[in-house]
Amino acid sequence: MPIVHSSSLRFTGSVSSSDAATEVTIADVPRTGFITRIHAMKTGGTASNIQPVVGRATNPSGTINQILLVAASSGIHIDEVPAKKIPYTAGAGLQLFMRLQPDAGSDNNITWELFIESGS
């Protein structure tokens, strides 16, 4: 369940034993909205960097209508606020999907936050 901060919704979580293919399902998002910030931090594991990607479909790929946000940089601590809010329309089940994409290993622990404004 998201935490509400004024008009912004904050979705949070963590993954352990994560590799590049580990996917997080972000449930109960508004049907339409705007991604306003992504924050992720590697707290343990082999990887040197992470580079989160958020999409409207599982395993977001290079298809333009699947990927909503790819972090502009990689590192062990990502905190990005896009210059413009990123609009989206959620698919079936009111879900978005995120891969945190560590660059090495399958032992990575990562915490994350995604901030969304409802598009009502």
N, C-alpha and C. Protein backbone atom coordinates (compact mmCIF):
# COMPACT_ATOMS: atom_id res chain seq x y z
N MET A 1 0.83 -1.17 0.00
CA MET A 1 0.00 0.00 0.00
C MET A 1 0.88 1.24 0.00
N PRO A 2 0.57 2.22 -0.82
CA PRO A 2 1.41 3.42 -0.87
C PRO A 2 1.22 4.30 0.36
N ILE A 3 2.21 5.09 0.65
CA ILE A 3 2.15 6.10 1.70
C ILE A 3 1.83 7.42 1.00
N VAL A 4 0.83 8.15 1.47
CA VAL A 4 0.39 9.38 0.81
C VAL A 4 1.07 10.58 1.46
N HIS A 5 1.70 11.40 0.63
CA HIS A 5 2.29 12.67 1.06
C HIS A 5 1.65 13.75 0.20
N SER A 6 0.72 14.49 0.74
CA SER A 6 -0.09 15.48 0.01
C SER A 6 -0.60 14.85 -1.27
N SER A 7 -0.24 15.37 -2.44
CA SER A 7 -0.74 14.81 -3.70
C SER A 7 0.17 13.72 -4.26
N SER A 8 1.25 13.43 -3.55
CA SER A 8 2.22 12.45 -4.03
C SER A 8 2.04 11.12 -3.30
N LEU A 9 2.16 10.03 -4.05
CA LEU A 9 2.14 8.69 -3.48
C LEU A 9 3.56 8.16 -3.45
N ARG A 10 3.93 7.54 -2.36
CA ARG A 10 5.28 7.00 -2.20
C ARG A 10 5.18 5.48 -2.06
N PHE A 11 5.75 4.77 -3.02
CA PHE A 11 5.79 3.31 -3.00
C PHE A 11 7.21 2.91 -2.60
N THR A 12 7.35 1.97 -1.67
CA THR A 12 8.67 1.60 -1.17
C THR A 12 8.82 0.09 -1.12
N GLY A 13 10.06 -0.34 -1.08
CA GLY A 13 10.32 -1.76 -0.93
C GLY A 13 11.80 -2.05 -0.90
N SER A 14 12.11 -3.33 -0.83
CA SER A 14 13.51 -3.75 -0.88
C SER A 14 13.56 -5.14 -1.51
N VAL A 15 14.70 -5.46 -2.07
CA VAL A 15 14.94 -6.78 -2.64
C VAL A 15 16.25 -7.30 -2.07
N SER A 16 16.32 -8.61 -1.94
CA SER A 16 17.57 -9.25 -1.52
C SER A 16 17.86 -10.36 -2.53
N SER A 17 19.11 -10.75 -2.60
CA SER A 17 19.55 -11.75 -3.58
C SER A 17 19.12 -11.34 -4.98
N SER A 18 19.30 -10.08 -5.30
CA SER A 18 18.85 -9.51 -6.57
C SER A 18 19.94 -9.60 -7.63
N ASP A 19 19.49 -9.88 -8.87
CA ASP A 19 20.38 -9.80 -10.02
C ASP A 19 19.72 -8.91 -11.07
N ALA A 20 20.30 -8.84 -12.26
CA ALA A 20 19.80 -7.93 -13.29
C ALA A 20 18.38 -8.24 -13.73
N ALA A 21 17.92 -9.48 -13.57
CA ALA A 21 16.59 -9.87 -14.02
C ALA A 21 15.54 -9.82 -12.91
N THR A 22 15.94 -9.50 -11.69
CA THR A 22 14.97 -9.43 -10.59
C THR A 22 13.99 -8.28 -10.85
N GLU A 23 12.71 -8.59 -10.73
CA GLU A 23 11.68 -7.60 -11.04
C GLU A 23 10.79 -7.36 -9.83
N VAL A 24 10.43 -6.11 -9.63
CA VAL A 24 9.53 -5.70 -8.56
C VAL A 24 8.20 -5.30 -9.20
N THR A 25 7.10 -5.79 -8.65
CA THR A 25 5.77 -5.36 -9.09
C THR A 25 5.30 -4.27 -8.14
N ILE A 26 4.95 -3.13 -8.69
CA ILE A 26 4.45 -2.01 -7.89
C ILE A 26 2.94 -1.98 -8.10
N ALA A 27 2.22 -2.44 -7.08
CA ALA A 27 0.78 -2.65 -7.20
C ALA A 27 -0.02 -1.45 -6.69
N ASP A 28 -1.26 -1.39 -7.12
CA ASP A 28 -2.23 -0.39 -6.66
C ASP A 28 -1.82 1.04 -7.00
N VAL A 29 -1.23 1.22 -8.17
CA VAL A 29 -0.92 2.58 -8.63
C VAL A 29 -2.18 3.18 -9.24
N PRO A 30 -2.29 4.50 -9.28
CA PRO A 30 -3.43 5.11 -9.96
C PRO A 30 -3.45 4.71 -11.44
N ARG A 31 -4.63 4.64 -12.03
CA ARG A 31 -4.76 4.27 -13.45
C ARG A 31 -3.90 5.20 -14.33
N THR A 32 -3.95 6.49 -14.06
CA THR A 32 -3.09 7.44 -14.77
C THR A 32 -2.35 8.27 -13.73
N GLY A 33 -1.16 8.69 -14.09
CA GLY A 33 -0.38 9.48 -13.16
C GLY A 33 0.92 9.95 -13.76
N PHE A 34 1.78 10.44 -12.88
CA PHE A 34 3.08 10.97 -13.27
C PHE A 34 4.14 10.45 -12.32
N ILE A 35 5.23 9.92 -12.85
CA ILE A 35 6.38 9.55 -12.02
C ILE A 35 7.16 10.83 -11.77
N THR A 36 7.40 11.11 -10.48
CA THR A 36 8.07 12.37 -10.13
C THR A 36 9.45 12.18 -9.51
N ARG A 37 9.75 10.95 -9.04
CA ARG A 37 11.07 10.73 -8.43
C ARG A 37 11.30 9.23 -8.28
N ILE A 38 12.55 8.83 -8.43
CA ILE A 38 12.96 7.46 -8.13
C ILE A 38 14.20 7.53 -7.25
N HIS A 39 14.20 6.71 -6.22
CA HIS A 39 15.31 6.68 -5.27
C HIS A 39 15.64 5.21 -5.02
N ALA A 40 16.88 4.82 -5.19
CA ALA A 40 17.29 3.43 -4.93
C ALA A 40 18.71 3.43 -4.37
N MET A 41 18.95 2.48 -3.45
CA MET A 41 20.28 2.39 -2.85
C MET A 41 20.68 0.93 -2.68
N LYS A 42 21.86 0.59 -3.18
CA LYS A 42 22.42 -0.75 -2.97
C LYS A 42 22.99 -0.78 -1.56
N THR A 43 22.52 -1.73 -0.76
CA THR A 43 22.96 -1.81 0.63
C THR A 43 23.89 -2.99 0.89
N GLY A 44 24.08 -3.84 -0.11
CA GLY A 44 24.99 -4.96 0.03
C GLY A 44 25.05 -5.75 -1.26
N GLY A 45 26.12 -6.52 -1.42
CA GLY A 45 26.25 -7.38 -2.59
C GLY A 45 27.42 -7.03 -3.48
N THR A 46 27.55 -7.80 -4.54
CA THR A 46 28.69 -7.73 -5.45
C THR A 46 28.69 -6.54 -6.40
N ALA A 47 27.53 -6.10 -6.82
CA ALA A 47 27.43 -5.08 -7.87
C ALA A 47 28.16 -3.79 -7.50
N SER A 48 28.71 -3.15 -8.53
CA SER A 48 29.30 -1.83 -8.36
C SER A 48 28.28 -0.73 -8.58
N ASN A 49 27.26 -1.02 -9.41
CA ASN A 49 26.27 -0.01 -9.79
C ASN A 49 24.90 -0.65 -9.96
N ILE A 50 23.87 0.19 -9.83
CA ILE A 50 22.51 -0.17 -10.21
C ILE A 50 22.01 0.91 -11.16
N GLN A 51 21.04 0.56 -11.99
CA GLN A 51 20.44 1.54 -12.90
C GLN A 51 18.97 1.15 -13.12
N PRO A 52 18.09 1.62 -12.24
CA PRO A 52 16.69 1.21 -12.30
C PRO A 52 15.99 1.58 -13.61
N VAL A 53 15.05 0.70 -14.00
CA VAL A 53 14.16 0.95 -15.13
C VAL A 53 12.74 0.64 -14.67
N VAL A 54 11.79 1.53 -15.01
CA VAL A 54 10.39 1.36 -14.64
C VAL A 54 9.58 1.27 -15.93
N GLY A 55 8.64 0.32 -15.97
CA GLY A 55 7.82 0.15 -17.16
C GLY A 55 6.39 -0.20 -16.83
N ARG A 56 5.58 -0.20 -17.88
CA ARG A 56 4.17 -0.55 -17.71
C ARG A 56 3.90 -2.02 -17.99
N ALA A 57 4.93 -2.76 -18.42
CA ALA A 57 4.80 -4.18 -18.71
C ALA A 57 5.91 -4.93 -17.98
N THR A 58 5.66 -6.19 -17.67
CA THR A 58 6.68 -7.00 -17.04
C THR A 58 7.87 -7.12 -17.99
N ASN A 59 9.07 -7.14 -17.44
CA ASN A 59 10.30 -7.17 -18.22
C ASN A 59 10.32 -6.04 -19.26
N PRO A 60 10.25 -4.79 -18.79
CA PRO A 60 10.25 -3.67 -19.74
C PRO A 60 11.45 -3.78 -20.69
N SER A 61 11.16 -3.69 -21.96
CA SER A 61 12.22 -3.84 -22.97
C SER A 61 12.39 -2.54 -23.72
N GLY A 62 13.12 -2.60 -24.82
CA GLY A 62 13.40 -1.42 -25.61
C GLY A 62 12.20 -0.83 -26.32
N THR A 63 11.05 -1.50 -26.23
CA THR A 63 9.86 -0.98 -26.88
C THR A 63 9.43 0.31 -26.20
N ILE A 64 9.28 1.35 -26.96
CA ILE A 64 9.02 2.68 -26.41
C ILE A 64 7.76 2.73 -25.55
N ASN A 65 6.75 1.92 -25.88
CA ASN A 65 5.52 2.00 -25.10
C ASN A 65 5.58 1.15 -23.83
N GLN A 66 6.68 0.45 -23.58
CA GLN A 66 6.81 -0.34 -22.36
C GLN A 66 7.63 0.38 -21.30
N ILE A 67 8.67 1.08 -21.70
CA ILE A 67 9.57 1.73 -20.75
C ILE A 67 9.07 3.14 -20.44
N LEU A 68 8.98 3.44 -19.15
CA LEU A 68 8.58 4.78 -18.73
C LEU A 68 9.78 5.60 -18.29
N LEU A 69 10.69 4.97 -17.55
CA LEU A 69 11.82 5.69 -16.97
C LEU A 69 13.02 4.77 -16.88
N VAL A 70 14.15 5.24 -17.35
CA VAL A 70 15.44 4.59 -17.11
C VAL A 70 16.28 5.63 -16.39
N ALA A 71 16.83 5.27 -15.24
CA ALA A 71 17.66 6.21 -14.50
C ALA A 71 18.75 6.75 -15.42
N ALA A 72 18.95 8.05 -15.39
CA ALA A 72 19.91 8.69 -16.30
C ALA A 72 21.35 8.32 -15.97
N SER A 73 21.59 7.89 -14.75
CA SER A 73 22.94 7.51 -14.37
C SER A 73 22.89 6.21 -13.58
N SER A 74 24.06 5.63 -13.38
CA SER A 74 24.14 4.43 -12.55
C SER A 74 25.06 4.74 -11.38
N GLY A 75 24.93 3.97 -10.32
CA GLY A 75 25.74 4.15 -9.12
C GLY A 75 25.19 3.26 -8.03
N ILE A 76 25.70 3.40 -6.81
CA ILE A 76 25.15 2.61 -5.72
C ILE A 76 24.01 3.36 -5.03
N HIS A 77 23.89 4.65 -5.32
CA HIS A 77 22.81 5.47 -4.76
C HIS A 77 22.23 6.32 -5.88
N ILE A 78 20.99 6.05 -6.24
CA ILE A 78 20.31 6.78 -7.30
C ILE A 78 19.20 7.60 -6.66
N ASP A 79 19.15 8.88 -6.96
CA ASP A 79 18.06 9.75 -6.49
C ASP A 79 17.79 10.74 -7.60
N GLU A 80 16.80 10.43 -8.43
CA GLU A 80 16.53 11.25 -9.61
C GLU A 80 15.13 11.83 -9.59
N VAL A 81 15.08 13.09 -9.92
CA VAL A 81 13.82 13.80 -10.14
C VAL A 81 13.85 14.23 -11.60
N PRO A 82 13.00 13.62 -12.44
CA PRO A 82 13.02 13.99 -13.86
C PRO A 82 12.72 15.47 -14.05
N ALA A 83 13.32 16.08 -15.08
CA ALA A 83 13.09 17.49 -15.36
C ALA A 83 11.60 17.77 -15.60
N LYS A 84 10.92 16.81 -16.23
CA LYS A 84 9.47 16.90 -16.43
C LYS A 84 8.85 15.64 -15.85
N LYS A 85 7.69 15.78 -15.23
CA LYS A 85 6.98 14.62 -14.72
C LYS A 85 6.74 13.65 -15.87
N ILE A 86 6.87 12.35 -15.59
CA ILE A 86 6.73 11.33 -16.63
C ILE A 86 5.31 10.77 -16.57
N PRO A 87 4.49 11.03 -17.60
CA PRO A 87 3.11 10.53 -17.58
C PRO A 87 3.06 9.04 -17.87
N TYR A 88 2.07 8.37 -17.32
CA TYR A 88 1.86 6.96 -17.61
C TYR A 88 0.38 6.63 -17.52
N THR A 89 0.00 5.54 -18.15
CA THR A 89 -1.29 4.89 -17.97
C THR A 89 -0.98 3.45 -17.61
N ALA A 90 -1.43 3.03 -16.44
CA ALA A 90 -1.12 1.68 -15.96
C ALA A 90 -1.89 0.65 -16.77
N GLY A 91 -1.31 -0.53 -16.90
CA GLY A 91 -1.97 -1.62 -17.58
C GLY A 91 -2.94 -2.33 -16.66
N ALA A 92 -3.35 -3.50 -17.09
CA ALA A 92 -4.28 -4.32 -16.31
C ALA A 92 -3.72 -4.55 -14.91
N GLY A 93 -4.57 -4.51 -13.93
CA GLY A 93 -4.15 -4.76 -12.56
C GLY A 93 -3.58 -3.55 -11.84
N LEU A 94 -3.59 -2.39 -12.49
CA LEU A 94 -3.06 -1.17 -11.89
C LEU A 94 -1.66 -1.39 -11.32
N GLN A 95 -0.76 -1.85 -12.19
CA GLN A 95 0.60 -2.18 -11.77
C GLN A 95 1.63 -1.51 -12.67
N LEU A 96 2.78 -1.22 -12.08
CA LEU A 96 3.99 -0.86 -12.82
C LEU A 96 5.04 -1.89 -12.42
N PHE A 97 6.10 -1.97 -13.20
CA PHE A 97 7.15 -2.97 -12.96
C PHE A 97 8.50 -2.28 -12.97
N MET A 98 9.40 -2.73 -12.08
CA MET A 98 10.72 -2.11 -11.99
C MET A 98 11.79 -3.19 -11.90
N ARG A 99 12.85 -2.98 -12.65
CA ARG A 99 14.08 -3.76 -12.50
C ARG A 99 15.15 -2.80 -12.01
N LEU A 100 15.86 -3.19 -10.96
CA LEU A 100 16.88 -2.32 -10.37
C LEU A 100 18.23 -2.48 -11.05
N GLN A 101 18.41 -3.55 -11.80
CA GLN A 101 19.53 -3.80 -12.69
C GLN A 101 20.92 -3.63 -12.09
N PRO A 102 21.26 -4.40 -11.06
CA PRO A 102 22.66 -4.38 -10.62
C PRO A 102 23.55 -4.92 -11.72
N ASP A 103 24.78 -4.41 -11.81
CA ASP A 103 25.66 -4.77 -12.93
C ASP A 103 26.46 -6.05 -12.71
N ALA A 104 26.34 -6.67 -11.54
CA ALA A 104 27.07 -7.92 -11.28
C ALA A 104 26.42 -8.67 -10.13
N GLY A 105 26.59 -9.98 -10.13
CA GLY A 105 26.19 -10.82 -9.01
C GLY A 105 24.70 -11.06 -8.90
N SER A 106 24.37 -11.98 -7.99
CA SER A 106 22.97 -12.28 -7.68
C SER A 106 22.75 -12.22 -6.16
N ASP A 107 23.61 -11.46 -5.50
CA ASP A 107 23.58 -11.35 -4.04
C ASP A 107 23.31 -9.93 -3.56
N ASN A 108 22.71 -9.12 -4.42
CA ASN A 108 22.58 -7.69 -4.13
C ASN A 108 21.32 -7.38 -3.33
N ASN A 109 21.48 -6.52 -2.34
CA ASN A 109 20.37 -6.02 -1.52
C ASN A 109 20.16 -4.56 -1.89
N ILE A 110 18.91 -4.22 -2.22
CA ILE A 110 18.61 -2.87 -2.71
C ILE A 110 17.30 -2.41 -2.10
N THR A 111 17.29 -1.18 -1.59
CA THR A 111 16.05 -0.55 -1.15
C THR A 111 15.65 0.47 -2.20
N TRP A 112 14.36 0.72 -2.32
CA TRP A 112 13.88 1.63 -3.37
C TRP A 112 12.63 2.39 -2.93
N GLU A 113 12.42 3.54 -3.59
CA GLU A 113 11.21 4.35 -3.44
C GLU A 113 10.84 4.88 -4.81
N LEU A 114 9.55 4.90 -5.10
CA LEU A 114 9.06 5.49 -6.34
C LEU A 114 7.94 6.46 -5.96
N PHE A 115 8.04 7.70 -6.43
CA PHE A 115 7.04 8.72 -6.12
C PHE A 115 6.18 8.98 -7.35
N ILE A 116 4.88 8.98 -7.14
CA ILE A 116 3.91 9.15 -8.21
C ILE A 116 2.87 10.19 -7.80
N GLU A 117 2.45 11.01 -8.75
CA GLU A 117 1.30 11.89 -8.54
C GLU A 117 0.15 11.31 -9.35
N SER A 118 -1.02 11.28 -8.76
CA SER A 118 -2.19 10.77 -9.46
C SER A 118 -2.55 11.70 -10.61
N GLY A 119 -2.95 11.11 -11.72
CA GLY A 119 -3.30 11.91 -12.90
C GLY A 119 -4.76 12.29 -12.94
N SER A 120 -5.55 11.73 -12.04
CA SER A 120 -7.01 11.91 -12.00
C SER A 120 -7.50 12.72 -13.09
